[in-house]
């Protein structure tokens, strides 16, 4: 069997309604030298697995028997099973422009020093309506990438093509225990390798009320769960100093407190304040935020 140039790695879980659009997206790619590796994360809706099995040898299907409660573990296992030196990630509900693989693969061939390349994506909703370009105009490049990734994940996983071995070396499989660990991978890689970027919206990233990424309010608007993990595991080392990481985390809690207080959720704002004070007990903005949130809780409206 010939080795493909790219392995397209897809994680699935109870997503049968998105599969026809997913296959159409892949069929439309102008670059054709790829295999499709699907890791199903123990779908139990009765339809997703049947639809995947119906694809026969057009895909390589890996079936997990228990749900990982992550996106990253099935993705990592798909990379381990991949036969190609390059892996492209595509969540089942996201989509690519027909030239996505052609453009990204050509970029990595022209820039062999880069560990991965990503592109802009345009937001789509649950009804496939297109909206704005995600992170337009604010994606850093060059030496600023690692430092910026210690603050916020501006790389969209469904717009990434990576070198397989570098991805597998970034984290150990046993360390993938939580949702939102894309940032851990990107930060770990960016500390050691250049990251490529194509400033064109070559992907479509779905955001809807059903998205996993918006179900946990503690991750909105800043994913403080991920930032806490990065701090505790000291993944920030080599990108920012410990004092800077504490400041980043404190600012993220302040941002979340302001966000939830403005939306009439003072209890959520207070949670963010309390967590932030554990990081920086003497932060005046956090103390002020706590007082405002207490006032809003005592006298709502």
Protein backbone atom coordinates (compact mmCIF):
# COMPACT_ATOMS: atom_id res chain seq x y z
CA UNK A 1 0.00 0.00 0.00
CA UNK A 2 1.44 3.37 -1.00
CA UNK A 3 2.08 5.86 1.78
CA UNK A 4 -0.17 8.93 1.41
CA UNK A 5 1.21 12.45 1.71
CA UNK A 6 -1.41 13.49 4.28
CA UNK A 7 -3.56 11.74 6.86
CA UNK A 8 -6.81 13.60 7.52
CA UNK A 9 -7.62 12.88 11.18
CA UNK A 10 -11.26 13.22 12.21
CA UNK A 11 -12.84 12.64 15.60
CA UNK A 12 -16.53 11.75 15.75
CA UNK A 13 -19.15 11.44 18.46
CA UNK A 14 -22.90 11.31 17.77
CA UNK A 15 -22.51 13.54 14.73
CA UNK A 16 -24.32 11.66 11.97
CA UNK A 17 -26.08 14.78 10.65
CA UNK A 18 -22.75 16.41 9.81
CA UNK A 19 -21.23 13.45 7.97
CA UNK A 20 -22.67 14.06 4.47
CA UNK A 21 -21.22 17.58 4.46
CA UNK A 22 -17.92 16.26 5.81
CA UNK A 23 -17.51 13.71 3.01
CA UNK A 24 -18.53 16.31 0.42
CA UNK A 25 -15.90 18.68 1.78
CA UNK A 26 -13.19 16.04 1.47
CA UNK A 27 -14.35 14.94 -1.98
CA UNK A 28 -14.00 18.56 -3.12
CA UNK A 29 -10.32 18.86 -2.15
CA UNK A 30 -8.08 19.72 -5.11
CA UNK A 31 -5.19 17.86 -3.40
CA UNK A 32 -6.01 14.16 -3.57
CA UNK A 33 -3.08 12.26 -2.01
CA UNK A 34 -4.58 11.70 1.42
CA UNK A 35 -6.10 9.02 3.62
CA UNK A 36 -8.97 9.55 6.07
CA UNK A 37 -8.50 8.32 9.64
CA UNK A 38 -11.68 8.50 11.74
CA UNK A 39 -11.58 7.89 15.48
CA UNK A 40 -15.08 7.46 16.86
CA UNK A 41 -15.25 8.37 20.55
CA UNK A 42 -17.83 5.73 21.55
CA UNK A 43 -20.83 7.15 19.73
CA UNK A 44 -24.06 5.81 21.20
CA UNK A 45 -26.77 7.45 19.09
CA UNK A 46 -27.29 4.32 17.01
CA UNK A 47 -26.66 6.13 13.71
CA UNK A 48 -23.15 7.60 13.64
CA UNK A 49 -21.31 4.26 13.72
CA UNK A 50 -23.58 2.79 11.06
CA UNK A 51 -22.90 5.76 8.80
CA UNK A 52 -19.16 5.45 9.37
CA UNK A 53 -19.13 1.71 8.73
CA UNK A 54 -21.05 2.30 5.51
CA UNK A 55 -18.01 4.18 4.19
CA UNK A 56 -16.14 0.87 4.00
CA UNK A 57 -12.50 1.09 2.99
CA UNK A 58 -12.83 4.75 1.98
CA UNK A 59 -11.90 5.53 5.59
CA UNK A 60 -9.81 3.90 8.30
CA UNK A 61 -12.14 3.63 11.27
CA UNK A 62 -10.89 3.32 14.84
CA UNK A 63 -13.62 2.65 17.40
CA UNK A 64 -13.19 3.66 21.01
CA UNK A 65 -15.34 1.67 23.44
CA UNK A 66 -15.48 4.40 26.11
CA UNK A 67 -15.94 8.12 25.62
CA UNK A 68 -12.77 10.10 26.41
CA UNK A 69 -14.63 13.31 27.36
CA UNK A 70 -12.05 15.15 25.28
CA UNK A 71 -11.48 16.03 21.65
CA UNK A 72 -7.73 15.76 21.93
CA UNK A 73 -7.30 12.10 22.93
CA UNK A 74 -9.14 10.61 19.91
CA UNK A 75 -7.26 13.10 17.72
CA UNK A 76 -3.93 11.99 19.20
CA UNK A 77 -4.80 8.34 18.68
CA UNK A 78 -5.68 9.15 15.09
CA UNK A 79 -2.26 10.73 14.60
CA UNK A 80 -0.60 7.62 16.09
CA UNK A 81 -2.46 5.46 13.57
CA UNK A 82 -1.73 7.79 10.64
CA UNK A 83 0.50 6.51 7.82
CA UNK A 84 1.44 9.91 6.37
CA UNK A 85 4.19 12.28 7.54
CA UNK A 86 1.68 15.14 7.63
CA UNK A 87 -1.60 15.14 9.56
CA UNK A 88 -4.50 17.49 8.91
CA UNK A 89 -7.19 17.91 11.55
CA UNK A 90 -10.86 18.33 10.74
CA UNK A 91 -13.64 18.17 13.32
CA UNK A 92 -16.73 16.45 11.95
CA UNK A 93 -18.86 19.60 11.98
CA UNK A 94 -16.22 21.90 10.46
CA UNK A 95 -15.36 22.32 6.79
CA UNK A 96 -12.48 23.20 4.43
CA UNK A 97 -12.21 25.31 1.32
CA UNK A 98 -11.48 23.01 -1.67
CA UNK A 99 -7.91 24.36 -1.85
CA UNK A 100 -7.16 23.89 1.88
CA UNK A 101 -4.95 20.81 1.58
CA UNK A 102 -3.30 21.98 -1.62
CA UNK A 103 -2.29 25.33 -0.08
CA UNK A 104 -1.19 24.04 3.33
CA UNK A 105 0.81 21.09 2.02
CA UNK A 106 2.59 23.34 -0.49
CA UNK A 107 3.38 25.77 2.32
CA UNK A 108 4.98 23.10 4.51
CA UNK A 109 7.01 21.79 1.57
CA UNK A 110 8.31 25.31 0.98
CA UNK A 111 9.02 25.85 4.72
CA UNK A 112 10.59 22.62 6.03
CA UNK A 113 11.63 24.31 9.27
CA UNK A 114 8.02 24.87 10.34
CA UNK A 115 6.29 22.31 12.56
CA UNK A 116 2.78 23.14 11.38
CA UNK A 117 0.78 25.62 9.39
CA UNK A 118 -2.69 27.04 10.06
CA UNK A 119 -5.06 29.37 8.26
CA UNK A 120 -7.85 31.78 9.02
CA UNK A 121 -11.32 30.28 9.40
CA UNK A 122 -14.71 31.80 8.91
CA UNK A 123 -17.33 31.18 11.61
CA UNK A 124 -20.43 29.23 10.60
CA UNK A 125 -23.49 28.57 12.73
CA UNK A 126 -25.66 25.50 13.18
CA UNK A 127 -27.48 26.25 9.93
CA UNK A 128 -24.28 26.65 7.88
CA UNK A 129 -24.64 30.43 7.65
CA UNK A 130 -21.25 32.11 7.28
CA UNK A 131 -20.20 34.93 9.60
CA UNK A 132 -16.98 36.78 10.44
CA UNK A 133 -13.40 35.59 10.14
CA UNK A 134 -12.17 34.27 13.48
CA UNK A 135 -9.29 36.26 15.05
CA UNK A 136 -9.01 38.39 11.93
CA UNK A 137 -6.04 40.73 12.07
CA UNK A 138 -4.77 39.61 15.48
CA UNK A 139 -2.92 36.36 14.80
CA UNK A 140 0.76 36.77 15.71
CA UNK A 141 3.59 35.35 13.67
CA UNK A 142 7.30 34.71 14.12
CA UNK A 143 8.89 34.99 17.55
CA UNK A 144 5.66 36.30 19.12
CA UNK A 145 3.73 33.06 18.64
CA UNK A 146 4.83 31.11 21.73
CA UNK A 147 4.37 34.07 24.06
CA UNK A 148 0.91 34.76 22.65
CA UNK A 149 -0.11 31.11 22.99
CA UNK A 150 0.56 31.30 26.72
CA UNK A 151 -2.30 33.81 26.83
CA UNK A 152 -4.88 32.65 24.33
CA UNK A 153 -5.39 29.90 21.74
CA UNK A 154 -5.73 31.74 18.44
CA UNK A 155 -5.06 28.64 16.29
CA UNK A 156 -8.17 26.79 15.11
CA UNK A 157 -7.57 23.05 15.19
CA UNK A 158 -9.63 22.37 12.05
CA UNK A 159 -7.32 24.67 10.09
CA UNK A 160 -4.05 22.92 11.02
CA UNK A 161 -1.70 20.65 9.12
CA UNK A 162 1.17 19.38 11.28
CA UNK A 163 4.19 17.16 10.98
CA UNK A 164 3.11 13.88 12.56
CA UNK A 165 6.19 13.14 14.66
CA UNK A 166 6.32 16.63 16.13
CA UNK A 167 2.68 16.43 17.22
CA UNK A 168 3.21 13.08 18.91
CA UNK A 169 6.26 14.41 20.74
CA UNK A 170 4.49 17.52 22.03
CA UNK A 171 2.58 15.73 24.84
CA UNK A 172 2.35 12.22 26.21
CA UNK A 173 -0.88 10.36 25.54
CA UNK A 174 -1.43 9.73 29.28
CA UNK A 175 -1.35 13.49 29.92
CA UNK A 176 -4.38 14.12 27.69
CA UNK A 177 -7.09 14.11 30.34
CA UNK A 178 -9.14 17.26 29.75
CA UNK A 179 -11.05 19.20 27.12
CA UNK A 180 -9.36 22.21 25.54
CA UNK A 181 -5.81 20.86 25.32
CA UNK A 182 -5.17 22.12 21.79
CA UNK A 183 -3.51 25.11 23.41
CA UNK A 184 -1.15 22.81 25.34
CA UNK A 185 -0.05 21.17 22.10
CA UNK A 186 0.41 24.43 20.21
CA UNK A 187 2.33 26.08 23.06
CA UNK A 188 4.61 23.07 23.53
CA UNK A 189 5.41 23.02 19.81
CA UNK A 190 5.80 26.79 19.37
CA UNK A 191 8.50 26.93 22.04
CA UNK A 192 10.74 24.79 19.84
CA UNK A 193 9.65 25.27 16.22
CA UNK A 194 8.40 28.03 13.90
CA UNK A 195 4.66 28.05 13.23
CA UNK A 196 3.39 28.83 9.74
CA UNK A 197 0.31 30.87 8.92
CA UNK A 198 -1.67 31.47 5.71
CA UNK A 199 -3.75 34.64 6.08
CA UNK A 200 -6.72 33.37 4.08
CA UNK A 201 -9.99 31.87 5.36
CA UNK A 202 -9.49 28.36 4.03
CA UNK A 203 -11.67 26.74 6.69
CA UNK A 204 -15.11 27.02 8.25
CA UNK A 205 -15.38 26.69 12.04
CA UNK A 206 -18.78 25.92 13.53
CA UNK A 207 -20.01 27.77 16.60
CA UNK A 208 -23.49 26.99 17.89
CA UNK A 209 -25.26 26.47 21.20
CA UNK A 210 -24.60 22.74 20.81
CA UNK A 211 -20.83 23.15 20.44
CA UNK A 212 -18.78 21.44 23.13
CA UNK A 213 -16.59 24.53 23.36
CA UNK A 214 -19.46 26.73 24.58
CA UNK A 215 -21.16 24.34 27.02
CA UNK A 216 -18.88 25.05 30.00
CA UNK A 217 -19.34 28.66 31.13
CA UNK A 218 -16.02 28.62 32.99
CA UNK A 219 -14.27 28.64 29.60
CA UNK A 220 -16.02 31.83 28.45
CA UNK A 221 -14.78 34.23 27.26
CA UNK A 222 -11.28 33.09 28.33
CA UNK A 223 -10.59 29.41 28.90
CA UNK A 224 -9.22 29.72 32.43
CA UNK A 225 -9.32 25.94 32.90
CA UNK A 226 -6.67 25.58 30.22
CA UNK A 227 -4.61 28.49 31.54
CA UNK A 228 -4.65 26.96 35.03
CA UNK A 229 -3.43 23.65 33.62
CA UNK A 230 -0.65 25.38 31.69
CA UNK A 231 0.45 27.14 34.86
CA UNK A 232 0.33 24.02 37.08
CA UNK A 233 2.19 21.88 34.53
CA UNK A 234 4.65 24.73 33.91
CA UNK A 235 4.11 24.49 30.17
CA UNK A 236 4.60 28.25 29.99
CA UNK A 237 8.32 27.88 30.73
CA UNK A 238 10.29 28.94 27.70
CA UNK A 239 7.53 31.27 26.53
CA UNK A 240 6.88 33.57 29.52
CA UNK A 241 8.13 33.88 33.10
CA UNK A 242 6.20 32.60 36.11
CA UNK A 243 5.26 36.13 37.17
CA UNK A 244 3.92 36.85 33.69
CA UNK A 245 1.89 33.64 33.69
CA UNK A 246 0.25 34.64 36.96
CA UNK A 247 -0.57 38.03 35.47
CA UNK A 248 -2.05 36.39 32.36
CA UNK A 249 -4.25 34.15 34.48
CA UNK A 250 -5.33 37.00 36.74
CA UNK A 251 -6.30 39.13 33.73
CA UNK A 252 -8.27 36.22 32.29
CA UNK A 253 -10.28 35.88 35.50
CA UNK A 254 -10.93 39.63 35.52
CA UNK A 255 -12.14 39.44 31.91
CA UNK A 256 -14.46 36.54 32.73
CA UNK A 257 -15.82 38.32 35.83
CA UNK A 258 -16.63 41.44 33.81
CA UNK A 259 -18.22 39.33 31.08
CA UNK A 260 -20.55 37.41 33.40
CA UNK A 261 -21.41 40.41 35.56
CA UNK A 262 -22.43 42.28 32.40
CA UNK A 263 -24.72 39.41 31.49
CA UNK A 264 -26.51 39.42 34.81
CA UNK A 265 -24.70 36.37 36.25
CA UNK A 266 -23.08 37.73 39.44
CA UNK A 267 -22.52 34.26 40.94
CA UNK A 268 -20.40 33.30 37.94
CA UNK A 269 -18.55 36.59 38.18
CA UNK A 270 -17.84 35.96 41.86
CA UNK A 271 -16.50 32.52 41.05
CA UNK A 272 -14.04 34.09 38.60
CA UNK A 273 -13.02 36.68 41.18
CA UNK A 274 -12.42 34.07 43.88
CA UNK A 275 -10.34 31.92 41.57
CA UNK A 276 -8.35 34.91 40.40
CA UNK A 277 -7.56 35.95 43.97
CA UNK A 278 -6.03 32.53 44.57
CA UNK A 279 -3.51 33.43 41.87
CA UNK A 280 -2.97 37.10 42.79
CA UNK A 281 -4.40 37.80 46.27
CA UNK A 282 -3.43 41.49 46.17
CA UNK A 283 -4.99 42.28 42.80
CA UNK A 284 -7.01 45.50 43.20
CA UNK A 285 -9.00 44.93 39.96
CA UNK A 286 -10.11 41.53 41.27
CA UNK A 287 -11.13 42.96 44.66
CA UNK A 288 -13.08 45.73 42.91
CA UNK A 289 -14.71 43.16 40.67
CA UNK A 290 -15.70 41.11 43.69
CA UNK A 291 -17.35 44.09 45.37
CA UNK A 292 -19.27 44.96 42.20
CA UNK A 293 -20.40 41.37 41.76
CA UNK A 294 -21.55 41.17 45.39
CA UNK A 295 -23.53 44.34 44.87
CA UNK A 296 -25.12 42.98 41.73
CA UNK A 297 -26.02 39.75 43.57
CA UNK A 298 -27.55 41.63 46.49
CA UNK A 299 -29.50 44.10 44.34
CA UNK A 300 -30.11 42.43 40.98
CA UNK A 301 -31.43 44.78 38.34
